[in-house]
């Protein structure tokens, strides 16, 4: 979660607005370009690819679960 929060903070999102139940689109109002930036930053920092659909809103906790699943999958 810390890496995700740091990535979002680098995009100009206030850290105070970042909680597990925060939605990427509804709450943070990320656009598709910013979503791609988040995905690329996760790849650079953590070495995993996570596709964040622009049509489906997702919480920060759900993003972290996707990252964890990708990390487990890549270690097999």
N, C-alpha and C. Protein backbone atom coordinates (compact mmCIF):
# COMPACT_ATOMS: atom_id res chain seq x y z
N UNK A 1 0.83 -1.20 0.00
CA UNK A 1 0.00 0.00 0.00
C UNK A 1 0.87 1.26 0.00
N UNK A 2 2.02 1.20 0.69
CA UNK A 2 2.90 2.37 0.75
C UNK A 2 3.41 2.76 -0.62
N UNK A 3 3.80 1.77 -1.43
CA UNK A 3 4.29 2.06 -2.78
C UNK A 3 3.19 2.69 -3.61
N UNK A 4 1.98 2.18 -3.52
CA UNK A 4 0.86 2.73 -4.27
C UNK A 4 0.56 4.16 -3.83
N UNK A 5 0.58 4.39 -2.53
CA UNK A 5 0.33 5.75 -2.03
C UNK A 5 1.41 6.71 -2.51
N UNK A 6 2.67 6.26 -2.53
CA UNK A 6 3.76 7.11 -3.01
C UNK A 6 3.59 7.45 -4.49
N UNK A 7 3.18 6.46 -5.27
CA UNK A 7 2.96 6.67 -6.70
C UNK A 7 1.84 7.69 -6.91
N UNK A 8 0.75 7.54 -6.18
CA UNK A 8 -0.37 8.47 -6.31
C UNK A 8 0.01 9.86 -5.83
N UNK A 9 0.80 9.94 -4.78
CA UNK A 9 1.26 11.24 -4.29
C UNK A 9 2.12 11.94 -5.34
N UNK A 10 2.92 11.16 -6.06
CA UNK A 10 3.74 11.73 -7.14
C UNK A 10 2.88 12.28 -8.27
N UNK A 11 1.66 11.79 -8.39
CA UNK A 11 0.73 12.30 -9.40
C UNK A 11 -0.03 13.53 -8.88
N UNK A 12 0.25 13.92 -7.65
CA UNK A 12 -0.38 15.11 -7.10
C UNK A 12 -1.58 14.85 -6.20
N UNK A 13 -1.82 13.58 -5.88
CA UNK A 13 -2.93 13.24 -5.00
C UNK A 13 -2.49 13.45 -3.55
N UNK A 14 -3.34 14.08 -2.77
CA UNK A 14 -3.04 14.31 -1.37
C UNK A 14 -3.00 12.99 -0.61
N UNK A 15 -1.94 12.77 0.16
CA UNK A 15 -1.82 11.52 0.94
C UNK A 15 -2.97 11.37 1.94
N UNK A 16 -3.50 12.48 2.42
CA UNK A 16 -4.60 12.43 3.38
C UNK A 16 -5.86 11.84 2.78
N UNK A 17 -5.97 11.87 1.45
CA UNK A 17 -7.17 11.34 0.79
C UNK A 17 -7.02 9.87 0.42
N UNK A 18 -5.89 9.27 0.75
CA UNK A 18 -5.61 7.89 0.35
C UNK A 18 -5.89 6.91 1.49
N UNK A 19 -6.92 6.11 1.30
CA UNK A 19 -7.32 5.09 2.28
C UNK A 19 -7.63 3.80 1.51
N UNK A 20 -7.73 2.72 2.21
CA UNK A 20 -8.01 1.44 1.57
C UNK A 20 -9.26 1.42 0.73
N UNK A 21 -10.28 2.16 1.16
CA UNK A 21 -11.55 2.15 0.44
C UNK A 21 -11.69 3.30 -0.57
N UNK A 22 -10.60 4.03 -0.79
CA UNK A 22 -10.62 5.12 -1.77
C UNK A 22 -10.70 4.55 -3.18
N UNK A 23 -11.64 5.05 -3.97
CA UNK A 23 -11.82 4.61 -5.36
C UNK A 23 -10.95 5.45 -6.29
N UNK A 24 -10.30 4.77 -7.26
CA UNK A 24 -9.40 5.48 -8.17
C UNK A 24 -10.12 6.53 -9.00
N UNK A 25 -11.27 6.21 -9.52
CA UNK A 25 -11.95 7.12 -10.44
C UNK A 25 -12.93 8.05 -9.74
N UNK A 26 -13.81 7.49 -8.94
CA UNK A 26 -14.84 8.31 -8.28
C UNK A 26 -14.23 9.27 -7.26
N UNK A 27 -13.35 8.75 -6.41
CA UNK A 27 -12.79 9.57 -5.34
C UNK A 27 -11.57 10.39 -5.77
N UNK A 28 -10.66 9.77 -6.49
CA UNK A 28 -9.42 10.46 -6.89
C UNK A 28 -9.54 11.13 -8.25
N UNK A 29 -10.56 10.76 -9.01
CA UNK A 29 -10.82 11.32 -10.34
C UNK A 29 -9.61 11.18 -11.27
N UNK A 30 -8.99 9.99 -11.23
CA UNK A 30 -7.89 9.73 -12.16
C UNK A 30 -8.44 9.56 -13.56
N UNK A 31 -7.69 10.04 -14.53
CA UNK A 31 -8.10 9.80 -15.92
C UNK A 31 -7.33 8.60 -16.46
N UNK A 32 -7.59 8.22 -17.69
CA UNK A 32 -6.97 7.01 -18.25
C UNK A 32 -5.45 7.14 -18.34
N UNK A 33 -4.95 8.32 -18.63
CA UNK A 33 -3.50 8.52 -18.71
C UNK A 33 -2.86 8.33 -17.34
N UNK A 34 -3.48 8.87 -16.31
CA UNK A 34 -2.95 8.72 -14.96
C UNK A 34 -3.01 7.26 -14.50
N UNK A 35 -4.04 6.56 -14.92
CA UNK A 35 -4.16 5.14 -14.58
C UNK A 35 -3.02 4.35 -15.20
N UNK A 36 -2.69 4.66 -16.45
CA UNK A 36 -1.57 4.00 -17.12
C UNK A 36 -0.27 4.35 -16.39
N UNK A 37 -0.12 5.59 -15.96
CA UNK A 37 1.07 6.00 -15.21
C UNK A 37 1.19 5.19 -13.92
N UNK A 38 0.08 4.96 -13.23
CA UNK A 38 0.10 4.16 -12.00
C UNK A 38 0.55 2.73 -12.32
N UNK A 39 0.01 2.15 -13.37
CA UNK A 39 0.38 0.79 -13.77
C UNK A 39 1.87 0.70 -14.10
N UNK A 40 2.37 1.68 -14.85
CA UNK A 40 3.79 1.67 -15.23
C UNK A 40 4.68 1.87 -14.01
N UNK A 41 4.27 2.72 -13.10
CA UNK A 41 5.06 2.95 -11.88
C UNK A 41 5.09 1.69 -11.01
N UNK A 42 3.97 0.97 -10.93
CA UNK A 42 3.96 -0.29 -10.19
C UNK A 42 4.91 -1.30 -10.83
N UNK A 43 4.94 -1.32 -12.15
CA UNK A 43 5.85 -2.23 -12.87
C UNK A 43 7.31 -1.86 -12.55
N UNK A 44 7.62 -0.56 -12.60
CA UNK A 44 9.00 -0.12 -12.32
C UNK A 44 9.40 -0.40 -10.88
N UNK A 45 8.53 -0.10 -9.94
CA UNK A 45 8.87 -0.23 -8.51
C UNK A 45 8.84 -1.67 -8.01
N UNK A 46 7.84 -2.42 -8.47
CA UNK A 46 7.62 -3.75 -7.89
C UNK A 46 7.85 -4.89 -8.87
N UNK A 47 8.03 -4.56 -10.14
CA UNK A 47 8.32 -5.59 -11.13
C UNK A 47 7.13 -6.43 -11.55
N UNK A 48 5.92 -5.93 -11.34
CA UNK A 48 4.73 -6.68 -11.73
C UNK A 48 3.84 -5.82 -12.62
N UNK A 49 3.16 -6.50 -13.53
CA UNK A 49 2.22 -5.81 -14.41
C UNK A 49 0.81 -5.95 -13.85
N UNK A 50 0.16 -4.82 -13.67
CA UNK A 50 -1.22 -4.80 -13.20
C UNK A 50 -2.01 -3.93 -14.15
N UNK A 51 -3.03 -4.52 -14.76
CA UNK A 51 -3.87 -3.77 -15.68
C UNK A 51 -5.04 -3.18 -14.91
N UNK A 52 -5.15 -1.87 -14.95
CA UNK A 52 -6.23 -1.17 -14.27
C UNK A 52 -7.22 -0.70 -15.32
N UNK A 53 -8.38 -1.34 -15.33
CA UNK A 53 -9.41 -1.03 -16.33
C UNK A 53 -10.01 0.35 -16.07
N UNK A 54 -10.13 1.13 -17.12
CA UNK A 54 -10.70 2.46 -16.96
C UNK A 54 -12.22 2.44 -16.82
N UNK A 55 -12.85 1.33 -17.17
CA UNK A 55 -14.30 1.23 -17.07
C UNK A 55 -14.76 0.69 -15.73
N UNK A 56 -13.85 0.19 -14.93
CA UNK A 56 -14.20 -0.43 -13.65
C UNK A 56 -13.51 0.33 -12.52
N UNK A 57 -14.29 0.92 -11.62
CA UNK A 57 -13.70 1.61 -10.48
C UNK A 57 -13.18 0.57 -9.49
N UNK A 58 -12.08 0.88 -8.84
CA UNK A 58 -11.41 -0.07 -7.97
C UNK A 58 -10.83 0.69 -6.78
N UNK A 59 -10.85 0.05 -5.62
CA UNK A 59 -10.30 0.69 -4.42
C UNK A 59 -8.79 0.46 -4.35
N UNK A 60 -8.14 1.23 -3.50
CA UNK A 60 -6.70 1.05 -3.31
C UNK A 60 -6.40 -0.34 -2.76
N UNK A 61 -7.25 -0.84 -1.86
CA UNK A 61 -7.08 -2.19 -1.33
C UNK A 61 -7.15 -3.22 -2.45
N UNK A 62 -8.09 -3.06 -3.38
CA UNK A 62 -8.21 -3.99 -4.50
C UNK A 62 -6.98 -3.92 -5.41
N UNK A 63 -6.44 -2.73 -5.62
CA UNK A 63 -5.22 -2.61 -6.41
C UNK A 63 -4.09 -3.37 -5.73
N UNK A 64 -3.97 -3.22 -4.42
CA UNK A 64 -2.92 -3.93 -3.67
C UNK A 64 -3.09 -5.44 -3.78
N UNK A 65 -4.32 -5.91 -3.75
CA UNK A 65 -4.57 -7.35 -3.90
C UNK A 65 -4.17 -7.83 -5.29
N UNK A 66 -4.43 -7.02 -6.32
CA UNK A 66 -4.01 -7.37 -7.68
C UNK A 66 -2.48 -7.45 -7.76
N UNK A 67 -1.81 -6.50 -7.12
CA UNK A 67 -0.35 -6.49 -7.10
C UNK A 67 0.17 -7.73 -6.39
N UNK A 68 -0.40 -8.06 -5.24
CA UNK A 68 0.03 -9.25 -4.50
C UNK A 68 -0.18 -10.51 -5.31
N UNK A 69 -1.32 -10.62 -5.98
CA UNK A 69 -1.60 -11.79 -6.82
C UNK A 69 -0.60 -11.88 -7.97
N UNK A 70 -0.27 -10.74 -8.56
CA UNK A 70 0.70 -10.73 -9.66
C UNK A 70 2.09 -11.13 -9.16
N UNK A 71 2.44 -10.70 -7.96
CA UNK A 71 3.74 -11.05 -7.39
C UNK A 71 3.82 -12.55 -7.11
N UNK A 72 2.75 -13.12 -6.58
CA UNK A 72 2.70 -14.56 -6.32
C UNK A 72 2.78 -15.31 -7.64
N UNK A 73 2.04 -14.85 -8.62
CA UNK A 73 2.02 -15.50 -9.93
C UNK A 73 3.36 -15.44 -10.63
N UNK A 74 4.10 -14.35 -10.44
CA UNK A 74 5.39 -14.22 -11.12
C UNK A 74 6.49 -15.00 -10.42
N UNK A 75 6.25 -15.41 -9.17
CA UNK A 75 7.28 -16.17 -8.45
C UNK A 75 7.17 -17.67 -8.68
N UNK A 76 6.14 -18.10 -9.40
CA UNK A 76 5.96 -19.53 -9.65
C UNK A 76 6.78 -19.98 -10.82
